[in-house]
Protein backbone atom coordinates (compact mmCIF):
# COMPACT_ATOMS: atom_id res chain seq x y z
CA MET A 1 -26.53 -52.95 -59.81
CA ASN A 2 -26.05 -51.10 -56.52
CA PHE A 3 -25.22 -53.01 -53.38
CA VAL A 4 -28.01 -52.96 -50.82
CA ASP A 5 -27.68 -55.05 -47.66
CA GLU A 6 -30.71 -53.99 -45.61
CA ALA A 7 -34.40 -53.70 -46.44
CA GLU A 8 -37.77 -53.55 -44.71
CA ILE A 9 -40.81 -55.16 -46.33
CA TYR A 10 -44.42 -56.16 -45.66
CA VAL A 11 -45.63 -59.68 -46.43
CA LYS A 12 -49.23 -60.88 -46.51
CA ALA A 13 -50.31 -64.47 -47.07
CA GLY A 14 -53.51 -65.20 -48.97
CA ASP A 15 -56.84 -65.34 -47.14
CA GLY A 16 -58.81 -68.55 -47.12
CA GLY A 17 -61.85 -68.59 -49.42
CA PRO A 18 -65.34 -68.61 -47.86
CA GLY A 19 -67.39 -71.79 -47.75
CA ALA A 20 -70.50 -71.98 -49.91
CA VAL A 21 -74.16 -72.13 -48.89
CA SER A 22 -75.85 -74.34 -51.46
CA PHE A 23 -78.59 -77.00 -51.67
CA ARG A 24 -78.84 -79.91 -54.01
CA ARG A 25 -81.76 -79.45 -56.39
CA GLU A 26 -82.10 -82.11 -59.06
CA LYS A 27 -85.27 -83.34 -60.77
CA TYR A 28 -84.98 -87.00 -59.81
CA VAL A 29 -83.44 -86.54 -56.38
CA PRO A 30 -86.34 -86.29 -53.96
CA ARG A 31 -84.28 -85.45 -50.93
CA GLY A 32 -81.83 -82.74 -51.80
CA GLY A 33 -79.65 -81.41 -49.04
CA PRO A 34 -76.90 -78.93 -48.27
CA ASP A 35 -73.99 -79.35 -50.66
CA GLY A 36 -71.92 -76.19 -50.18
CA GLY A 37 -68.20 -76.82 -50.75
CA ASP A 38 -65.26 -75.53 -48.75
CA GLY A 39 -63.24 -72.45 -49.62
CA GLY A 40 -59.71 -72.81 -50.91
CA GLN A 41 -56.57 -72.43 -48.81
CA GLY A 42 -54.76 -69.09 -49.04
CA GLY A 43 -51.29 -69.10 -50.58
CA ASP A 44 -48.14 -68.89 -48.45
CA VAL A 45 -45.35 -66.35 -48.79
CA ARG A 46 -42.15 -68.39 -49.04
CA PHE A 47 -38.57 -67.09 -49.07
CA VAL A 48 -36.16 -69.11 -51.22
CA VAL A 49 -32.41 -68.58 -51.59
CA ASP A 50 -31.38 -67.77 -55.16
CA PRO A 51 -27.64 -68.42 -55.77
CA GLY A 52 -27.70 -65.84 -58.56
CA LEU A 53 -28.43 -62.95 -56.17
CA ASN A 54 -25.86 -61.15 -54.02
CA THR A 55 -27.76 -58.02 -53.03
CA LEU A 56 -31.12 -56.97 -51.57
CA GLN A 57 -31.50 -54.40 -54.36
CA PRO A 58 -34.84 -55.88 -55.60
CA PHE A 59 -36.40 -54.91 -52.26
CA ARG A 60 -35.37 -51.27 -52.55
CA TYR A 61 -38.42 -50.37 -54.61
CA ARG A 62 -40.82 -53.25 -54.05
CA LYS A 63 -41.92 -53.27 -50.42
CA ARG A 64 -45.18 -55.29 -50.40
CA PHE A 65 -45.50 -58.99 -51.13
CA THR A 66 -48.98 -60.55 -51.13
CA ALA A 67 -49.86 -64.15 -51.94
CA GLN A 68 -53.05 -65.15 -53.75
CA SER A 69 -56.20 -65.79 -51.71
CA GLY A 70 -58.22 -69.00 -51.96
CA GLN A 71 -61.39 -69.06 -54.05
CA ALA A 72 -64.87 -69.47 -52.60
CA GLY A 73 -66.47 -72.90 -52.40
CA ARG A 74 -69.33 -73.80 -54.75
CA GLY A 75 -72.34 -76.07 -54.93
CA LYS A 76 -72.20 -79.85 -55.40
CA LYS A 77 -69.56 -79.88 -52.65
CA MET A 78 -66.99 -78.36 -54.99
CA HIS A 79 -64.04 -76.89 -53.11
CA GLY A 80 -62.61 -73.54 -54.11
CA ARG A 81 -59.18 -73.48 -55.68
CA SER A 82 -56.28 -72.80 -53.30
CA GLY A 83 -54.28 -69.61 -53.80
CA ARG A 84 -50.84 -69.83 -55.37
CA ASP A 85 -47.86 -69.48 -53.07
CA LEU A 86 -45.73 -66.39 -53.57
CA ILE A 87 -42.03 -67.21 -53.94
CA VAL A 88 -39.72 -64.40 -52.82
CA LYS A 89 -36.11 -64.90 -53.93
CA VAL A 90 -33.33 -63.69 -51.63
CA PRO A 91 -29.52 -63.99 -51.72
CA ALA A 92 -27.66 -66.52 -49.59
CA GLY A 93 -26.80 -64.99 -46.24
CA THR A 94 -30.13 -63.20 -45.72
CA ILE A 95 -31.25 -62.90 -42.11
CA VAL A 96 -34.98 -62.32 -41.59
CA MET A 97 -36.04 -60.35 -38.52
CA ASP A 98 -39.31 -59.06 -37.13
CA ALA A 99 -39.31 -55.37 -37.99
CA ASP A 100 -41.07 -54.39 -34.76
CA THR A 101 -39.20 -56.48 -32.18
CA GLY A 102 -35.87 -57.14 -33.91
CA LEU A 103 -36.23 -60.86 -33.18
CA VAL A 104 -34.35 -63.07 -35.64
CA LEU A 105 -36.92 -65.32 -37.30
CA TYR A 106 -34.78 -67.23 -39.75
CA ASP A 107 -31.32 -67.37 -41.27
CA LEU A 108 -31.33 -68.17 -44.98
CA GLY A 109 -27.65 -68.90 -45.15
CA TYR A 110 -27.16 -71.29 -48.04
CA PRO A 111 -28.43 -72.11 -51.55
CA GLY A 112 -31.48 -74.35 -51.29
CA ASP A 113 -32.68 -72.89 -47.99
CA SER A 114 -36.34 -71.86 -47.86
CA TRP A 115 -38.72 -70.62 -45.20
CA ILE A 116 -42.43 -69.81 -45.03
CA ALA A 117 -42.61 -66.19 -43.89
CA ALA A 118 -46.42 -66.02 -43.81
CA ARG A 119 -48.89 -68.91 -43.89
CA GLY A 120 -52.09 -68.75 -45.89
CA GLY A 121 -55.47 -68.80 -44.15
CA ARG A 122 -57.56 -71.97 -44.03
CA GLY A 123 -60.60 -72.05 -46.28
CA GLY A 124 -64.01 -71.80 -44.65
CA ARG A 125 -66.28 -74.85 -44.47
CA GLY A 126 -69.37 -75.01 -46.64
CA ASN A 127 -72.84 -75.64 -45.23
CA ALA A 128 -72.59 -79.35 -46.09
CA HIS A 129 -70.47 -79.70 -42.94
CA PHE A 130 -73.17 -78.35 -40.62
CA ALA A 131 -76.09 -80.62 -41.46
CA THR A 132 -77.44 -82.55 -38.43
CA PRO A 133 -80.55 -84.64 -37.81
CA THR A 134 -82.13 -81.63 -36.14
CA ASN A 135 -80.81 -79.06 -38.61
CA GLN A 136 -81.02 -80.64 -42.03
CA ALA A 137 -80.89 -77.42 -44.02
CA PRO A 138 -78.23 -75.12 -42.51
CA ARG A 139 -78.13 -71.78 -44.28
CA TYR A 140 -74.73 -70.69 -43.09
CA SER A 141 -71.08 -71.45 -43.79
CA GLU A 142 -67.69 -70.31 -42.53
CA GLU A 143 -65.70 -67.38 -43.76
CA GLY A 144 -62.12 -68.19 -44.65
CA MET A 145 -59.40 -67.40 -42.14
CA LYS A 146 -57.14 -64.44 -42.73
CA GLY A 147 -53.61 -65.13 -43.90
CA ASP A 148 -50.62 -64.12 -41.78
CA GLU A 149 -49.21 -60.65 -42.26
CA ARG A 150 -46.11 -59.10 -40.79
CA ARG A 151 -43.44 -56.49 -41.33
CA LEU A 152 -39.99 -57.95 -41.82
CA ARG A 153 -36.49 -56.55 -41.82
CA LEU A 154 -33.98 -58.24 -44.10
CA GLU A 155 -30.25 -58.04 -43.51
CA LEU A 156 -27.65 -59.53 -45.81
CA LYS A 157 -24.36 -60.94 -44.60
CA LEU A 158 -22.30 -62.02 -47.57
CA LEU A 159 -21.45 -65.69 -47.82
CA ALA A 160 -17.86 -66.16 -48.94
CA ASP A 161 -15.11 -68.72 -48.41
CA VAL A 162 -12.38 -66.08 -48.09
CA GLY A 163 -12.81 -62.53 -46.81
CA ILE A 164 -10.00 -60.08 -47.61
CA VAL A 165 -9.58 -57.54 -44.80
CA GLY A 166 -7.15 -54.71 -44.39
CA ALA A 167 -6.69 -50.97 -44.18
CA PRO A 168 -7.73 -48.74 -47.07
CA ASN A 169 -5.45 -48.90 -50.12
CA SER A 170 -3.71 -52.09 -49.00
CA GLY A 171 -4.37 -53.76 -52.36
CA LYS A 172 -7.49 -55.86 -51.66
CA SER A 173 -9.24 -54.96 -54.90
CA THR A 174 -6.12 -55.62 -56.96
CA LEU A 175 -5.74 -59.05 -55.35
CA LEU A 176 -9.37 -59.95 -56.01
CA SER A 177 -9.04 -58.93 -59.67
CA ARG A 178 -5.91 -61.09 -59.94
CA TYR A 179 -7.64 -64.20 -58.66
CA SER A 180 -11.08 -63.83 -60.24
CA ALA A 181 -13.06 -62.22 -63.02
CA ALA A 182 -14.31 -59.52 -60.63
CA ARG A 183 -13.26 -56.02 -61.63
CA PRO A 184 -13.59 -53.76 -58.58
CA LYS A 185 -12.42 -50.17 -58.86
CA VAL A 186 -8.70 -49.79 -58.25
CA ALA A 187 -6.98 -46.46 -57.58
CA ALA A 188 -4.16 -44.98 -55.48
CA TYR A 189 -6.32 -43.36 -52.81
CA PRO A 190 -8.16 -44.65 -49.74
CA PHE A 191 -11.75 -45.94 -49.84
CA THR A 192 -11.69 -46.85 -53.52
CA THR A 193 -13.98 -49.75 -52.63
CA LEU A 194 -17.30 -48.48 -51.31
CA ILE A 195 -19.21 -51.76 -51.50
CA PRO A 196 -18.15 -55.38 -50.94
CA HIS A 197 -17.18 -57.22 -54.10
CA LEU A 198 -17.49 -60.97 -54.65
CA GLY A 199 -15.34 -62.95 -57.04
CA VAL A 200 -15.37 -66.63 -57.97
CA VAL A 201 -11.85 -68.05 -57.97
CA GLU A 202 -11.54 -70.98 -60.40
CA VAL A 203 -8.99 -73.62 -59.39
CA GLY A 204 -8.58 -76.12 -62.20
CA SER A 205 -11.65 -77.27 -64.08
CA GLU A 206 -13.76 -78.63 -61.23
CA GLU A 207 -13.01 -76.60 -58.11
CA SER A 208 -13.77 -73.03 -57.14
CA PHE A 209 -14.39 -70.81 -54.14
CA VAL A 210 -15.82 -67.37 -53.42
CA MET A 211 -13.60 -64.49 -52.33
CA ALA A 212 -14.95 -61.21 -50.92
CA ASP A 213 -13.19 -57.86 -50.96
CA ILE A 214 -14.38 -56.15 -47.76
CA PRO A 215 -14.06 -52.32 -47.93
CA GLY A 216 -11.13 -50.85 -46.00
CA LEU A 217 -11.39 -50.69 -42.23
CA ILE A 218 -10.05 -47.84 -40.10
CA GLU A 219 -9.70 -47.26 -36.39
CA GLY A 220 -13.12 -47.03 -34.75
CA ALA A 221 -14.84 -49.14 -37.43
CA HIS A 222 -16.52 -51.29 -34.75
CA ALA A 223 -18.29 -48.12 -33.54
CA GLY A 224 -19.35 -47.04 -37.02
CA VAL A 225 -16.39 -44.84 -38.01
CA GLY A 226 -15.68 -44.81 -41.75
CA MET A 227 -17.30 -47.81 -43.42
CA GLY A 228 -17.81 -49.11 -39.90
CA THR A 229 -20.23 -51.84 -38.95
CA ASP A 230 -21.87 -51.67 -42.40
CA PHE A 231 -19.17 -54.03 -43.65
CA LEU A 232 -17.70 -55.65 -40.55
CA LYS A 233 -20.80 -57.84 -40.40
CA HIS A 234 -19.95 -59.39 -43.77
CA ILE A 235 -16.75 -60.84 -42.31
CA GLU A 236 -18.82 -63.00 -39.94
CA ARG A 237 -19.83 -65.36 -42.77
CA THR A 238 -16.39 -66.04 -44.20
CA SER A 239 -14.57 -69.32 -43.54
CA VAL A 240 -11.05 -67.89 -43.88
CA LEU A 241 -9.77 -64.38 -43.22
CA LEU A 242 -7.02 -63.15 -45.51
CA HIS A 243 -5.44 -60.15 -43.77
CA LEU A 244 -3.67 -57.99 -46.35
CA LEU A 245 -0.89 -55.68 -45.12
CA ASP A 246 0.93 -52.98 -47.07
CA VAL A 247 4.61 -53.31 -46.11
CA SER A 248 5.82 -50.62 -48.50
CA ALA A 249 5.24 -47.81 -45.97
CA GLY A 250 7.60 -49.31 -43.39
CA ARG A 251 7.52 -51.99 -40.71
CA ASP A 252 6.07 -49.74 -38.00
CA ASP A 253 3.16 -48.65 -40.18
CA ALA A 254 2.54 -52.24 -41.24
CA MET A 255 2.42 -53.44 -37.63
CA ARG A 256 0.10 -50.58 -36.68
CA GLN A 257 -2.23 -51.65 -39.51
CA PHE A 258 -2.08 -55.24 -38.29
CA GLU A 259 -2.86 -54.40 -34.65
CA MET A 260 -5.58 -51.89 -35.58
CA ILE A 261 -7.47 -54.34 -37.80
CA ARG A 262 -7.19 -57.09 -35.19
CA GLN A 263 -8.56 -54.76 -32.53
CA GLU A 264 -11.50 -53.70 -34.71
CA LEU A 265 -12.37 -57.31 -35.46
CA TYR A 266 -12.20 -58.19 -31.76
CA ARG A 267 -14.35 -55.25 -30.69
CA HIS A 268 -16.97 -56.08 -33.30
CA ASP A 269 -17.05 -59.77 -32.36
CA PRO A 270 -14.29 -61.64 -30.48
CA VAL A 271 -15.22 -64.81 -32.41
CA LEU A 272 -13.70 -63.26 -35.54
CA LEU A 273 -10.21 -63.72 -34.10
CA THR A 274 -10.81 -67.47 -33.83
CA LYS A 275 -11.33 -67.82 -37.58
CA ASN A 276 -8.60 -69.33 -39.73
CA THR A 277 -6.41 -66.34 -40.52
CA ILE A 278 -3.63 -65.92 -43.06
CA VAL A 279 -1.58 -62.74 -43.45
CA ALA A 280 -0.32 -61.64 -46.85
CA LEU A 281 2.38 -58.98 -46.92
CA ASN A 282 1.59 -57.03 -50.07
CA LYS A 283 3.61 -54.61 -52.22
CA ILE A 284 6.93 -56.36 -51.58
CA ASP A 285 8.03 -55.14 -55.03
CA ILE A 286 8.36 -51.62 -53.57
CA SER A 287 9.40 -52.59 -50.03
CA THR A 288 12.80 -53.25 -48.49
CA GLU A 289 13.82 -56.77 -47.51
CA SER A 290 14.57 -55.69 -43.94
CA ASN A 291 11.02 -54.32 -43.51
CA LEU A 292 9.57 -57.50 -44.93
CA LEU A 293 11.58 -59.86 -42.70
CA SER A 294 10.91 -57.80 -39.57
CA VAL A 295 7.13 -57.69 -40.06
CA LYS A 296 7.00 -61.35 -41.05
CA SER A 297 8.84 -62.54 -37.95
CA ARG A 298 6.79 -60.37 -35.57
CA ILE A 299 3.46 -61.64 -36.94
CA GLU A 300 4.60 -65.26 -37.08
CA ALA A 301 5.45 -64.96 -33.38
CA ASN A 302 1.66 -64.81 -32.84
CA GLY A 303 1.23 -68.21 -34.50
CA ILE A 304 -0.14 -66.78 -37.75
CA ARG A 305 1.16 -67.89 -41.12
CA VAL A 306 2.59 -65.11 -43.30
CA PHE A 307 3.13 -65.04 -47.06
CA PRO A 308 4.90 -62.22 -48.97
CA ILE A 309 3.16 -61.29 -52.24
CA SER A 310 2.86 -58.61 -54.85
CA ALA A 311 -0.69 -58.30 -56.11
CA HIS A 312 0.57 -55.87 -58.74
CA THR A 313 3.20 -58.13 -60.30
CA GLY A 314 1.68 -61.48 -59.34
CA TRP A 315 4.69 -62.66 -57.33
CA GLY A 316 3.77 -65.22 -54.65
CA LEU A 317 0.09 -65.46 -55.64
CA LYS A 318 0.21 -69.12 -56.74
CA LYS A 319 1.65 -70.23 -53.40
CA LEU A 320 -0.89 -68.16 -51.48
CA LEU A 321 -3.73 -69.63 -53.56
CA LYS A 322 -2.65 -73.18 -52.68
CA VAL A 323 -2.67 -72.32 -48.98
CA LEU A 324 -6.10 -70.69 -49.18
CA LEU A 325 -7.52 -73.66 -51.03
CA SER A 326 -6.14 -76.07 -48.42
CA GLU A 327 -7.75 -74.03 -45.61
CA ILE A 328 -11.09 -73.90 -47.42
CA ARG A 329 -11.11 -77.65 -47.97
CA GLU A 330 -10.58 -78.20 -44.25
CA CYS A 331 -13.38 -75.78 -43.37
CA ARG A 332 -15.77 -77.50 -45.75
CA LYS A 333 -15.18 -80.82 -43.99
CA GLY A 334 -16.55 -79.41 -40.73
CA PRO A 335 -20.21 -79.35 -39.68
CA GLN A 336 -22.35 -76.72 -41.37
CA ASP A 337 -25.25 -74.91 -39.81
CA HIS A 338 -27.91 -74.43 -42.47
CA GLY A 339 -30.89 -72.18 -42.06
CA GLN A 340 -31.40 -72.26 -38.33
CA GLY A 341 -34.10 -70.14 -36.86
CA THR A 342 -37.57 -70.07 -35.45
CA VAL A 343 -40.93 -69.46 -37.01
């Protein structure tokens, strides 16, 4: 399935059913009267987070979502049946915006979140409601109210515990495949990863977390260069940033990578630099010890923890996993902001 992280759709709630105009006519009832029932309520369009989805691909071809309208009222004061709600499943991390104004309407950030995107119209009242002492046989009723309709823009920001960031070809995909069952494309050239990949990392039999391989960032990414802002936004949702550096090319190149990525994160959103960050120095199996120690000391001088690893051979991965898990546990203890937004 292709990765799609933006979509524009039209939603229409069901219309309310019309009220009935009816009069009671029975053989042994001398004084029949108006007995028109009310129309049924129109169905709502409701967005619900489905944990099994991680893309907006289903919205690539289906653009219109319409709930069922309410049925008309009938005689004997029988109300029309209400229309069924339409449930629209979206992945966790979906932001719903008004397509015309760009206003954020709701943030469906977590499994279990739901939101009514369009409310169904109220059913019209039957003529039984309008009988008065001076008008005992009203021959009119109400039409049902129209259901809400609107154009919406959906934007997905992946929800992951750990986001792996780094320059192209730094080994992010290899690391993800080492820790999880995800099998992103791995090759010895830049921009192998063209879409974000998610992997579930199993720790023991009862604990797990989600790791995201964010496509390689280059200088100017905050302004749309390369993969650009298409993927920087996915980093906003992660609890922990794992900054992967390739130290095999030399200490100067490694430090340039480090500073460049930090600058791109800051220019996209300064808050990203306040996230819990761990640096992994990758490819130590083909790097010199002097390069490794120099880069490690210079980064640690900024108060950031550094761990040498080799994603290719597996060296240092167990220790790094323990540190990541400890950070995630701490983040999960903090307050969570679920599904905030406005109607």
